[in-house]
Amino acid sequence: MVENSRQHVRIGMAVCLVALLAASWPLSSTAASRRATPGDSAQGYPAKGRPITILVANAPGGTADITARLIAPVMEKEFGTPVVVVNKPGAGMQVGLTEGALAKPDGYTLVMTALPGALTVYMDPDRQAVPQVRELQQIALHNIDVGAVVVGADSPYRTLKELVDAAKANPRGLKAATDGLMSADHMATLYFKKRTGTDYKLVHFDGGGPATTALAGGHVDVRIGKVGSVYAMLAAKKVRILAVMDKQRSPYCPEVKTLEEEGYKDYVWYNVTGISAPKGTPRPIMELVSKAVSKSVDTEEAKKRLGGVALIGRFMGPDEFRAYWKDFEKVVEPLIPEAKKQ
């Protein structure tokens, strides 16, 4: 499973290295003419009938895909033009993020960005991401999936303290599942280890579904995942959540304490999804898109569908989202060297 994940990342490195080389070639006069200029504004945006594309760097059915398809109809109504969701999975989001980052910065190509996964694409030097991925402009964050410490329903660990004590007594004796090498779970697990002074043998799976299935089956001892990613198994009573990583308890498991309540001050970990755009996209266009996204968060349809997968609608505009992104970079960056060892 670890080797499969590593091969997956190596393939992504090769694919995106080609994009890097292509991006370094001199721009033709046609390509150069596509660059947005400082004087660009939102006047005439979007042109009637011209479609807006939202690139999703993940496969259909996941959080990024679900939320993109919630946003799209609201944007269509707001702008009076087609909004198309296109899935571009591959290499741990690197394929889709690279295509989006290299697109023309005119507001007609938007990128669904999920953190912390998008951060690892350009923070890991071995992946050789094109510089434009780091330079993506944040437009609007629209939902969060709260981190959670999860065990199987038959686990002997009934409380967070019992799990932490067992892990400290037997370093690397317990197995922790992740949803992939350099994935969101991987980063969350390393952060959990750091904050709790524990260590685990990491077992990397290809996605959250297999990781949770292994947990429910007793093949691993714990998963530092997300409430949303384990919600179906939680409802089926195949897993239990020992603690959530938020300032307040989750409405989807209100009986479960937060990490702060368990004594870990300022312990918050979210997986978030939002809309970004290629560097150079005019600010007025970003503001228009941001306003449309904010409306999508408040729709009854959004609340219903987000609730069905235990996500929480939360809106941040360009500046707030950018600040949140930069703060998350500071948390994730020191975890990268350790992640490469495990």
Protein backbone atom coordinates (compact mmCIF):
# COMPACT_ATOMS: atom_id res chain seq x y z
CA MET A 1 0.00 0.00 0.00
CA VAL A 2 2.86 2.40 0.83
CA GLU A 3 4.69 1.51 -2.37
CA ASN A 4 1.53 2.03 -4.44
CA SER A 5 1.11 5.50 -2.95
CA ARG A 6 4.74 6.37 -3.62
CA GLN A 7 4.44 5.20 -7.21
CA HIS A 8 1.32 7.36 -7.52
CA VAL A 9 3.28 10.42 -6.41
CA ARG A 10 6.24 9.59 -8.68
CA ILE A 11 3.92 9.39 -11.68
CA GLY A 12 2.52 12.78 -10.72
CA MET A 13 6.03 14.18 -10.49
CA ALA A 14 6.79 13.02 -14.03
CA VAL A 15 3.52 14.36 -15.43
CA CYS A 16 3.92 17.74 -13.82
CA LEU A 17 7.60 18.03 -14.69
CA VAL A 18 6.50 18.04 -18.33
CA ALA A 19 4.14 20.89 -17.49
CA LEU A 20 7.01 22.73 -15.79
CA LEU A 21 9.20 22.42 -18.85
CA ALA A 22 6.38 23.57 -21.09
CA ALA A 23 5.70 26.54 -18.84
CA SER A 24 9.35 27.60 -19.07
CA TRP A 25 9.30 27.92 -22.89
CA PRO A 26 8.97 31.44 -24.30
CA LEU A 27 5.39 32.57 -24.66
CA SER A 28 4.09 32.98 -28.17
CA SER A 29 2.48 36.29 -29.04
CA THR A 30 -0.92 34.58 -28.80
CA ALA A 31 -0.23 33.17 -25.33
CA ALA A 32 1.21 36.45 -24.15
CA SER A 33 -1.88 38.27 -25.31
CA ARG A 34 -3.96 36.07 -22.99
CA ARG A 35 -2.31 37.43 -19.86
CA ALA A 36 -4.49 39.65 -17.72
CA THR A 37 -3.23 43.21 -17.37
CA PRO A 38 -3.31 45.36 -14.23
CA GLY A 39 -6.07 47.42 -15.80
CA ASP A 40 -8.37 44.45 -16.22
CA SER A 41 -11.70 44.69 -14.41
CA ALA A 42 -14.94 42.75 -14.11
CA GLN A 43 -16.58 44.82 -16.84
CA GLY A 44 -18.32 42.45 -19.21
CA TYR A 45 -17.64 39.40 -17.02
CA PRO A 46 -18.85 36.88 -17.69
CA ALA A 47 -19.60 37.20 -21.37
CA LYS A 48 -23.13 35.97 -22.14
CA GLY A 49 -23.11 32.28 -23.00
CA ARG A 50 -19.41 31.79 -22.36
CA PRO A 51 -19.01 28.92 -19.89
CA ILE A 52 -17.06 29.09 -16.65
CA THR A 53 -15.16 25.91 -15.79
CA ILE A 54 -14.53 24.72 -12.23
CA LEU A 55 -11.66 22.24 -12.26
CA VAL A 56 -11.81 19.63 -9.50
CA ALA A 57 -8.46 17.95 -8.89
CA ASN A 58 -10.20 14.92 -7.37
CA ALA A 59 -12.33 12.05 -8.62
CA PRO A 60 -16.14 12.37 -8.69
CA GLY A 61 -18.00 11.73 -5.45
CA GLY A 62 -15.59 13.25 -2.97
CA THR A 63 -15.96 16.40 -0.91
CA ALA A 64 -14.40 18.70 -3.50
CA ASP A 65 -16.63 17.30 -6.24
CA ILE A 66 -19.81 17.46 -4.14
CA THR A 67 -19.25 21.07 -3.13
CA ALA A 68 -18.27 22.15 -6.65
CA ARG A 69 -21.60 20.82 -7.89
CA LEU A 70 -23.39 22.76 -5.18
CA ILE A 71 -21.69 25.99 -6.18
CA ALA A 72 -22.11 25.59 -9.94
CA PRO A 73 -25.92 26.07 -10.19
CA VAL A 74 -25.83 29.08 -7.89
CA MET A 75 -23.14 30.68 -10.04
CA GLU A 76 -25.12 29.88 -13.18
CA LYS A 77 -28.15 31.67 -11.77
CA GLU A 78 -26.04 34.59 -10.55
CA PHE A 79 -24.09 35.07 -13.79
CA GLY A 80 -26.59 33.84 -16.39
CA THR A 81 -24.01 31.64 -18.08
CA PRO A 82 -23.12 27.92 -17.95
CA VAL A 83 -20.84 26.76 -15.14
CA VAL A 84 -19.26 23.38 -15.84
CA VAL A 85 -17.57 21.12 -13.29
CA VAL A 86 -14.69 19.12 -14.78
CA ASN A 87 -12.86 16.44 -12.77
CA LYS A 88 -9.10 16.25 -13.31
CA PRO A 89 -7.84 13.72 -10.74
CA GLY A 90 -4.33 12.33 -10.60
CA ALA A 91 -1.08 12.37 -8.61
CA GLY A 92 -2.66 13.47 -5.36
CA MET A 93 -4.41 16.50 -6.92
CA GLN A 94 -1.28 17.65 -8.74
CA VAL A 95 -2.64 17.09 -12.25
CA GLY A 96 -5.76 19.21 -11.74
CA LEU A 97 -4.03 21.93 -9.74
CA THR A 98 -1.32 22.23 -12.39
CA GLU A 99 -3.83 22.59 -15.23
CA GLY A 100 -5.79 25.18 -13.28
CA ALA A 101 -2.74 27.16 -12.22
CA LEU A 102 -1.49 27.37 -15.82
CA ALA A 103 -4.86 28.45 -17.21
CA LYS A 104 -5.58 31.91 -18.60
CA PRO A 105 -6.28 34.24 -15.64
CA ASP A 106 -9.55 35.67 -16.90
CA GLY A 107 -12.08 34.17 -14.48
CA TYR A 108 -13.30 31.49 -16.87
CA THR A 109 -11.18 28.76 -15.26
CA LEU A 110 -11.55 28.34 -11.51
CA VAL A 111 -9.91 25.68 -9.34
CA MET A 112 -11.40 23.74 -6.46
CA THR A 113 -8.65 23.65 -3.84
CA ALA A 114 -8.68 21.40 -0.79
CA LEU A 115 -6.37 21.95 2.16
CA PRO A 116 -4.06 20.59 3.40
CA GLY A 117 -3.72 18.37 0.32
CA ALA A 118 -3.06 21.25 -2.07
CA LEU A 119 -0.26 22.52 0.18
CA THR A 120 1.73 19.29 0.02
CA VAL A 121 1.70 19.42 -3.80
CA TYR A 122 4.11 22.37 -3.86
CA MET A 123 5.74 22.05 -0.44
CA ASP A 124 7.26 18.67 -1.23
CA PRO A 125 10.24 19.50 -3.48
CA ASP A 126 10.34 15.96 -4.87
CA ARG A 127 6.99 16.53 -6.59
CA GLN A 128 8.48 19.35 -8.66
CA ALA A 129 5.22 21.29 -8.91
CA VAL A 130 5.15 24.21 -11.30
CA PRO A 131 5.60 27.53 -9.42
CA GLN A 132 2.14 28.69 -10.47
CA VAL A 133 0.50 26.17 -8.12
CA ARG A 134 1.97 27.99 -5.12
CA GLU A 135 0.80 31.27 -6.64
CA LEU A 136 -2.88 30.39 -6.96
CA GLN A 137 -5.13 33.23 -5.79
CA GLN A 138 -7.69 32.40 -3.15
CA ILE A 139 -11.26 33.51 -3.88
CA ALA A 140 -13.58 31.88 -1.37
CA LEU A 141 -13.55 29.10 1.21
CA HIS A 142 -16.98 27.51 1.54
CA ASN A 143 -16.91 24.42 3.77
CA ILE A 144 -14.94 22.57 6.44
CA ASP A 145 -14.62 18.95 7.47
CA VAL A 146 -13.58 18.76 11.12
CA GLY A 147 -10.67 16.51 12.07
CA ALA A 148 -11.38 13.52 14.29
CA VAL A 149 -9.64 10.73 16.20
CA VAL A 150 -11.41 7.55 15.13
CA VAL A 151 -11.22 3.92 16.27
CA GLY A 152 -13.13 0.78 15.34
CA ALA A 153 -16.38 -0.03 17.11
CA ASP A 154 -14.70 -2.98 18.85
CA SER A 155 -11.57 -1.07 19.82
CA PRO A 156 -10.43 -1.51 23.43
CA TYR A 157 -9.80 2.23 23.60
CA ARG A 158 -12.93 3.92 24.88
CA THR A 159 -11.44 7.36 25.50
CA LEU A 160 -8.76 9.56 23.98
CA LYS A 161 -6.68 9.22 27.14
CA GLU A 162 -6.70 5.44 26.88
CA LEU A 163 -5.50 5.63 23.28
CA VAL A 164 -2.76 8.16 24.04
CA ASP A 165 -1.57 6.24 27.10
CA ALA A 166 -1.38 2.99 25.11
CA ALA A 167 0.56 4.70 22.31
CA LYS A 168 3.04 6.24 24.76
CA ALA A 169 3.55 2.90 26.49
CA ASN A 170 4.28 1.16 23.18
CA PRO A 171 5.78 3.61 20.64
CA ARG A 172 4.99 2.54 17.06
CA GLY A 173 3.14 -0.45 18.46
CA LEU A 174 -0.26 0.83 17.28
CA LYS A 175 -1.13 1.09 13.60
CA ALA A 176 -2.58 4.34 12.26
CA ALA A 177 -4.38 4.38 8.89
CA THR A 178 -4.15 7.29 6.46
CA ASP A 179 -5.88 7.95 3.16
CA GLY A 180 -2.56 8.07 1.32
CA LEU A 181 1.07 9.12 1.43
CA MET A 182 1.37 12.93 1.81
CA SER A 183 -2.42 13.09 2.11
CA ALA A 184 -4.64 15.12 4.43
CA ASP A 185 -4.81 12.22 6.91
CA HIS A 186 -1.04 11.81 6.76
CA MET A 187 -0.49 15.45 7.72
CA ALA A 188 -3.19 15.28 10.41
CA THR A 189 -1.62 12.15 11.91
CA LEU A 190 1.84 13.70 12.05
CA TYR A 191 0.38 16.79 13.72
CA PHE A 192 -1.47 14.58 16.22
CA LYS A 193 1.75 12.74 17.02
CA LYS A 194 3.52 16.04 17.58
CA ARG A 195 0.83 17.48 19.83
CA THR A 196 0.26 14.34 21.92
CA GLY A 197 3.84 13.04 22.15
CA THR A 198 2.88 9.68 20.63
CA ASP A 199 4.11 7.57 17.73
CA TYR A 200 2.44 5.03 15.43
CA LYS A 201 3.24 2.69 12.59
CA LEU A 202 1.59 4.41 9.64
CA VAL A 203 -0.33 2.37 7.08
CA HIS A 204 -1.15 4.31 3.90
CA PHE A 205 -4.25 3.37 1.91
CA ASP A 206 -5.51 4.61 -1.43
CA GLY A 207 -8.33 6.83 -0.19
CA GLY A 208 -10.45 7.39 2.89
CA GLY A 209 -12.89 4.56 2.12
CA PRO A 210 -10.30 1.76 2.29
CA ALA A 211 -8.68 3.35 5.36
CA THR A 212 -11.97 3.43 7.27
CA THR A 213 -12.87 -0.08 6.14
CA ALA A 214 -9.56 -1.37 7.49
CA LEU A 215 -10.22 0.45 10.75
CA ALA A 216 -13.70 -1.02 11.09
CA GLY A 217 -12.29 -4.46 10.36
CA GLY A 218 -9.69 -4.24 13.10
CA HIS A 219 -6.70 -4.25 10.74
CA VAL A 220 -5.45 -0.93 12.13
CA ASP A 221 -5.93 0.71 15.52
CA VAL A 222 -6.73 4.34 14.77
CA ARG A 223 -7.34 6.83 12.01
CA ILE A 224 -6.74 10.54 12.43
CA GLY A 225 -9.30 11.47 9.83
CA LYS A 226 -12.33 13.70 9.43
CA VAL A 227 -15.89 13.56 10.73
CA GLY A 228 -17.28 13.69 7.20
CA SER A 229 -15.07 10.93 5.84
CA VAL A 230 -16.14 8.45 8.54
CA TYR A 231 -19.74 9.61 9.00
CA ALA A 232 -21.37 6.72 7.13
CA MET A 233 -19.41 4.18 9.16
CA LEU A 234 -20.18 6.13 12.34
CA ALA A 235 -23.91 6.04 11.60
CA ALA A 236 -23.63 2.29 10.96
CA LYS A 237 -21.89 1.92 14.35
CA LYS A 238 -18.79 0.40 12.78
CA VAL A 239 -16.44 3.08 14.13
CA ARG A 240 -16.32 5.42 17.11
CA ILE A 241 -14.98 8.97 17.36
CA LEU A 242 -12.92 9.64 20.50
CA ALA A 243 -12.42 13.39 19.98
CA VAL A 244 -12.93 16.14 17.40
CA MET A 245 -10.44 18.84 16.43
CA ASP A 246 -12.46 22.02 16.73
CA LYS A 247 -13.27 24.79 19.20
CA GLN A 248 -16.75 23.40 19.63
CA ARG A 249 -18.31 19.96 19.46
CA SER A 250 -19.54 18.66 16.15
CA PRO A 251 -23.30 18.73 15.51
CA TYR A 252 -22.86 15.29 13.94
CA CYS A 253 -21.50 13.69 17.13
CA PRO A 254 -22.37 16.17 19.93
CA GLU A 255 -21.54 13.70 22.70
CA VAL A 256 -17.86 13.62 21.65
CA LYS A 257 -15.44 16.00 23.35
CA THR A 258 -13.05 18.33 21.56
CA LEU A 259 -9.27 18.02 21.85
CA GLU A 260 -9.37 21.24 23.87
CA GLU A 261 -11.78 19.66 26.34
CA GLU A 262 -9.32 16.78 26.57
CA GLY A 263 -6.57 19.20 27.61
CA TYR A 264 -4.88 20.11 24.31
CA LYS A 265 -5.08 23.89 24.05
CA ASP A 266 -5.73 25.53 20.67
CA TYR A 267 -6.02 22.19 18.91
CA VAL A 268 -7.94 22.82 15.68
CA TRP A 269 -7.56 20.86 12.44
CA TYR A 270 -9.86 21.25 9.48
CA ASN A 271 -9.87 19.92 5.97
CA VAL A 272 -11.29 22.79 3.95
CA THR A 273 -12.44 23.28 0.38
CA GLY A 274 -12.56 26.52 -1.55
CA ILE A 275 -12.30 28.20 -4.94
CA SER A 276 -9.03 29.61 -6.26
CA ALA A 277 -7.90 31.08 -9.59
CA PRO A 278 -4.69 31.40 -11.62
CA LYS A 279 -2.31 34.17 -10.63
CA GLY A 280 -3.22 37.41 -12.38
CA THR A 281 -6.99 36.98 -12.23
CA PRO A 282 -8.37 40.51 -11.72
CA ARG A 283 -9.55 41.30 -8.21
CA PRO A 284 -12.98 42.60 -9.37
CA ILE A 285 -13.68 39.24 -11.01
CA MET A 286 -12.58 37.43 -7.85
CA GLU A 287 -15.00 39.56 -5.83
CA LEU A 288 -17.90 38.68 -8.11
CA VAL A 289 -17.14 34.95 -7.86
CA SER A 290 -16.69 35.22 -4.11
CA LYS A 291 -20.11 36.83 -3.74
CA ALA A 292 -21.72 34.03 -5.74
CA VAL A 293 -19.97 31.38 -3.61
CA SER A 294 -21.18 33.05 -0.42
CA LYS A 295 -24.76 32.73 -1.66
CA SER A 296 -24.26 29.04 -2.39
CA VAL A 297 -23.27 28.37 1.23
CA ASP A 298 -26.59 29.72 2.48
CA THR A 299 -28.92 27.77 0.20
CA GLU A 300 -31.19 25.13 1.72
CA GLU A 301 -29.96 22.64 -0.87
CA ALA A 302 -26.37 23.23 0.24
CA LYS A 303 -27.23 22.81 3.91
CA LYS A 304 -29.10 19.60 3.15
CA ARG A 305 -26.37 18.05 1.02
CA LEU A 306 -23.51 19.16 3.28
CA GLY A 307 -25.39 17.80 6.27
CA GLY A 308 -25.75 14.47 4.50
CA VAL A 309 -21.98 14.04 4.47
CA ALA A 310 -21.29 15.77 7.83
CA LEU A 311 -19.69 18.88 6.34
CA ILE A 312 -20.13 22.39 7.71
CA GLY A 313 -20.75 25.36 5.43
CA ARG A 314 -18.39 28.18 6.32
CA PHE A 315 -17.57 31.16 4.12
CA MET A 316 -14.36 33.19 3.84
CA GLY A 317 -13.76 35.85 1.21
CA PRO A 318 -10.47 36.38 -0.69
CA ASP A 319 -8.49 38.11 2.05
CA GLU A 320 -9.64 35.90 4.91
CA PHE A 321 -9.15 32.75 2.86
CA ARG A 322 -5.66 33.88 1.83
CA ALA A 323 -4.69 34.52 5.46
CA TYR A 324 -6.06 31.13 6.49
CA TRP A 325 -4.10 29.48 3.65
CA LYS A 326 -0.83 31.12 4.74
CA ASP A 327 -1.38 30.12 8.37
CA PHE A 328 -2.04 26.52 7.30
CA GLU A 329 1.23 26.55 5.34
CA LYS A 330 3.08 27.31 8.58
CA VAL A 331 1.51 24.27 10.22
CA VAL A 332 2.07 21.85 7.34
CA GLU A 333 5.55 22.87 6.12
CA PRO A 334 7.50 21.50 9.12
CA LEU A 335 5.60 18.20 8.80
CA ILE A 336 6.79 17.54 5.24
CA PRO A 337 10.31 16.20 6.10
CA GLU A 338 8.85 13.76 8.62
CA ALA A 339 6.12 12.72 6.19
CA LYS A 340 8.75 11.69 3.66
CA LYS A 341 10.20 9.26 6.22
CA GLN A 342 6.84 7.60 6.88
